[in-house]
Amino acid sequence: MLLVLFPRLPNGNVLWTCDSCGDTAEVSCTDTSAVALFCICNHKINPQCNNEWYNTGLYFERIPIETRMNRSILE
């Protein structure tokens, strides 16, 4: 699975770039530099691989089942 990691700016934000049109945005995110945003150029979340990482459960599934079970009990 491909995962696009975007550069981090000196202020700590991630510089997202649309892979369709080249528009950019600063994203305030401390946990990851793999972000996916909706872009008006194609009315989709870009990049698609990062969208799949977060929205199809792949991000969650990378966490060991024991940790997931403990978290769900605490919530």
N, C-alpha and C. Protein backbone atom coordinates (compact mmCIF):
# COMPACT_ATOMS: atom_id res chain seq x y z
N MET A 1 0.85 -1.19 0.00
CA MET A 1 0.00 0.00 0.00
C MET A 1 0.88 1.23 0.00
N LEU A 2 0.58 2.14 -0.88
CA LEU A 2 1.29 3.41 -0.96
C LEU A 2 0.68 4.37 0.05
N LEU A 3 1.54 5.11 0.76
CA LEU A 3 1.09 6.14 1.69
C LEU A 3 1.93 7.37 1.42
N VAL A 4 1.29 8.49 1.12
CA VAL A 4 2.00 9.72 0.79
C VAL A 4 2.24 10.50 2.08
N LEU A 5 3.51 10.79 2.36
CA LEU A 5 3.89 11.59 3.52
C LEU A 5 4.26 12.98 3.02
N PHE A 6 3.61 13.99 3.55
CA PHE A 6 3.85 15.36 3.12
C PHE A 6 4.87 16.03 4.05
N PRO A 7 5.58 17.04 3.54
CA PRO A 7 6.60 17.70 4.36
C PRO A 7 5.99 18.50 5.50
N ARG A 8 6.74 18.58 6.57
CA ARG A 8 6.34 19.38 7.72
C ARG A 8 7.02 20.74 7.63
N LEU A 9 6.27 21.78 7.88
CA LEU A 9 6.78 23.15 7.83
C LEU A 9 7.45 23.50 9.17
N PRO A 10 8.26 24.56 9.19
CA PRO A 10 8.92 24.96 10.44
C PRO A 10 7.95 25.21 11.60
N ASN A 11 6.72 25.62 11.30
CA ASN A 11 5.73 25.88 12.36
C ASN A 11 5.06 24.60 12.85
N GLY A 12 5.43 23.44 12.30
CA GLY A 12 4.88 22.16 12.72
C GLY A 12 3.71 21.67 11.89
N ASN A 13 3.14 22.53 11.06
CA ASN A 13 2.03 22.13 10.20
C ASN A 13 2.54 21.27 9.04
N VAL A 14 1.63 20.51 8.47
CA VAL A 14 1.94 19.69 7.30
C VAL A 14 1.51 20.44 6.06
N LEU A 15 2.36 20.46 5.03
CA LEU A 15 2.03 21.12 3.77
C LEU A 15 1.46 20.08 2.80
N TRP A 16 0.12 20.07 2.69
CA TRP A 16 -0.57 19.16 1.79
C TRP A 16 -0.58 19.76 0.40
N THR A 17 -0.41 18.92 -0.62
CA THR A 17 -0.51 19.33 -2.01
C THR A 17 -1.43 18.36 -2.73
N CYS A 18 -2.41 18.91 -3.44
CA CYS A 18 -3.33 18.07 -4.20
C CYS A 18 -2.57 17.42 -5.35
N ASP A 19 -2.71 16.12 -5.48
CA ASP A 19 -2.01 15.42 -6.56
C ASP A 19 -2.71 15.56 -7.90
N SER A 20 -3.88 16.21 -7.92
CA SER A 20 -4.58 16.46 -9.18
C SER A 20 -4.29 17.84 -9.74
N CYS A 21 -4.40 18.88 -8.89
CA CYS A 21 -4.28 20.25 -9.40
C CYS A 21 -3.08 21.02 -8.85
N GLY A 22 -2.45 20.53 -7.81
CA GLY A 22 -1.28 21.20 -7.25
C GLY A 22 -1.60 22.24 -6.20
N ASP A 23 -2.89 22.46 -5.88
CA ASP A 23 -3.23 23.39 -4.79
C ASP A 23 -2.60 22.90 -3.50
N THR A 24 -2.31 23.83 -2.59
CA THR A 24 -1.69 23.48 -1.33
C THR A 24 -2.53 23.98 -0.16
N ALA A 25 -2.30 23.37 1.00
CA ALA A 25 -2.96 23.80 2.23
C ALA A 25 -2.07 23.40 3.39
N GLU A 26 -2.10 24.20 4.45
CA GLU A 26 -1.41 23.85 5.67
C GLU A 26 -2.38 23.13 6.58
N VAL A 27 -1.92 21.99 7.10
CA VAL A 27 -2.76 21.18 7.97
C VAL A 27 -2.11 21.11 9.34
N SER A 28 -2.86 21.48 10.35
CA SER A 28 -2.36 21.40 11.72
C SER A 28 -2.61 19.98 12.22
N CYS A 29 -1.56 19.18 12.23
CA CYS A 29 -1.70 17.77 12.60
C CYS A 29 -0.41 17.32 13.27
N THR A 30 -0.49 16.89 14.51
CA THR A 30 0.73 16.49 15.21
C THR A 30 1.03 15.00 15.10
N ASP A 31 0.04 14.19 14.78
CA ASP A 31 0.22 12.74 14.80
C ASP A 31 0.85 12.15 13.54
N THR A 32 0.64 12.78 12.41
CA THR A 32 1.09 12.18 11.15
C THR A 32 1.35 13.25 10.11
N SER A 33 2.10 12.87 9.09
CA SER A 33 2.25 13.76 7.93
C SER A 33 1.59 13.12 6.71
N ALA A 34 0.82 12.07 6.94
CA ALA A 34 0.04 11.42 5.88
C ALA A 34 -1.38 11.94 5.98
N VAL A 35 -1.66 13.01 5.27
CA VAL A 35 -2.99 13.62 5.34
C VAL A 35 -3.72 13.45 4.02
N ALA A 36 -5.04 13.59 4.06
CA ALA A 36 -5.87 13.51 2.86
C ALA A 36 -6.98 14.55 3.02
N LEU A 37 -7.11 15.42 2.04
CA LEU A 37 -8.10 16.49 2.10
C LEU A 37 -8.99 16.47 0.86
N PHE A 38 -10.20 16.98 1.02
CA PHE A 38 -11.12 17.15 -0.10
C PHE A 38 -10.66 18.33 -0.93
N CYS A 39 -10.60 18.17 -2.25
CA CYS A 39 -10.22 19.27 -3.13
C CYS A 39 -11.35 19.55 -4.11
N ILE A 40 -11.58 20.84 -4.35
CA ILE A 40 -12.68 21.22 -5.25
C ILE A 40 -12.36 20.94 -6.71
N CYS A 41 -11.10 20.68 -7.04
CA CYS A 41 -10.75 20.46 -8.45
C CYS A 41 -11.44 19.22 -9.02
N ASN A 42 -11.55 18.18 -8.22
CA ASN A 42 -12.18 16.95 -8.71
C ASN A 42 -13.25 16.42 -7.76
N HIS A 43 -13.53 17.19 -6.71
CA HIS A 43 -14.55 16.82 -5.72
C HIS A 43 -14.28 15.45 -5.11
N LYS A 44 -12.99 15.20 -4.82
CA LYS A 44 -12.56 13.95 -4.20
C LYS A 44 -11.56 14.24 -3.10
N ILE A 45 -11.36 13.24 -2.27
CA ILE A 45 -10.32 13.34 -1.25
C ILE A 45 -9.01 12.90 -1.87
N ASN A 46 -7.99 13.74 -1.75
CA ASN A 46 -6.70 13.47 -2.36
C ASN A 46 -5.59 13.50 -1.32
N PRO A 47 -4.56 12.70 -1.46
CA PRO A 47 -4.45 11.58 -2.39
C PRO A 47 -5.35 10.42 -1.96
N GLN A 48 -5.84 9.68 -2.91
CA GLN A 48 -6.78 8.60 -2.65
C GLN A 48 -6.17 7.53 -1.75
N CYS A 49 -4.88 7.25 -1.90
CA CYS A 49 -4.26 6.20 -1.08
C CYS A 49 -4.31 6.58 0.40
N ASN A 50 -4.10 7.86 0.73
CA ASN A 50 -4.18 8.28 2.12
C ASN A 50 -5.62 8.22 2.61
N ASN A 51 -6.57 8.55 1.74
CA ASN A 51 -7.98 8.44 2.09
C ASN A 51 -8.32 7.00 2.46
N GLU A 52 -7.85 6.05 1.66
CA GLU A 52 -8.11 4.64 1.93
C GLU A 52 -7.46 4.21 3.24
N TRP A 53 -6.27 4.72 3.51
CA TRP A 53 -5.55 4.39 4.74
C TRP A 53 -6.39 4.71 5.97
N TYR A 54 -7.02 5.88 5.97
CA TYR A 54 -7.80 6.29 7.13
C TYR A 54 -9.24 5.81 7.10
N ASN A 55 -9.87 5.79 5.95
CA ASN A 55 -11.31 5.58 5.88
C ASN A 55 -11.77 4.17 5.56
N THR A 56 -10.84 3.26 5.28
CA THR A 56 -11.23 1.86 5.07
C THR A 56 -10.77 0.98 6.22
N GLY A 57 -10.23 1.59 7.27
CA GLY A 57 -9.84 0.84 8.45
C GLY A 57 -8.40 0.39 8.49
N LEU A 58 -7.61 0.65 7.46
CA LEU A 58 -6.22 0.20 7.45
C LEU A 58 -5.42 0.84 8.58
N TYR A 59 -5.65 2.11 8.85
CA TYR A 59 -4.95 2.81 9.93
C TYR A 59 -5.27 2.15 11.27
N PHE A 60 -6.54 1.86 11.50
CA PHE A 60 -6.99 1.25 12.73
C PHE A 60 -6.47 -0.17 12.87
N GLU A 61 -6.47 -0.92 11.77
CA GLU A 61 -6.06 -2.33 11.81
C GLU A 61 -4.57 -2.51 12.08
N ARG A 62 -3.77 -1.49 11.87
CA ARG A 62 -2.34 -1.61 12.15
C ARG A 62 -2.06 -1.65 13.64
N ILE A 63 -3.04 -1.25 14.46
CA ILE A 63 -2.92 -1.28 15.91
C ILE A 63 -3.22 -2.70 16.37
N PRO A 64 -2.36 -3.30 17.18
CA PRO A 64 -2.60 -4.68 17.63
C PRO A 64 -3.98 -4.83 18.28
N ILE A 65 -4.60 -5.98 18.07
CA ILE A 65 -5.95 -6.23 18.55
C ILE A 65 -6.06 -6.03 20.06
N GLU A 66 -5.03 -6.40 20.82
CA GLU A 66 -5.06 -6.24 22.27
C GLU A 66 -5.20 -4.77 22.65
N THR A 67 -4.47 -3.91 21.96
CA THR A 67 -4.53 -2.48 22.23
C THR A 67 -5.89 -1.92 21.86
N ARG A 68 -6.43 -2.37 20.71
CA ARG A 68 -7.76 -1.91 20.30
C ARG A 68 -8.82 -2.31 21.31
N MET A 69 -8.73 -3.54 21.80
CA MET A 69 -9.71 -4.02 22.77
C MET A 69 -9.63 -3.22 24.07
N ASN A 70 -8.44 -2.91 24.53
CA ASN A 70 -8.27 -2.13 25.75
C ASN A 70 -8.82 -0.72 25.58
N ARG A 71 -8.61 -0.14 24.42
CA ARG A 71 -9.12 1.22 24.17
C ARG A 71 -10.64 1.23 24.14
N SER A 72 -11.25 0.22 23.52
CA SER A 72 -12.71 0.21 23.42
C SER A 72 -13.34 0.00 24.79
N ILE A 73 -12.67 -0.70 25.68
CA ILE A 73 -13.18 -0.90 27.04
C ILE A 73 -13.15 0.41 27.81
N LEU A 74 -12.10 1.21 27.58
CA LEU A 74 -11.94 2.45 28.31
C LEU A 74 -12.90 3.54 27.84
N GLU A 75 -13.39 3.44 26.62
CA GLU A 75 -14.24 4.51 26.07
C GLU A 75 -15.68 4.36 26.47
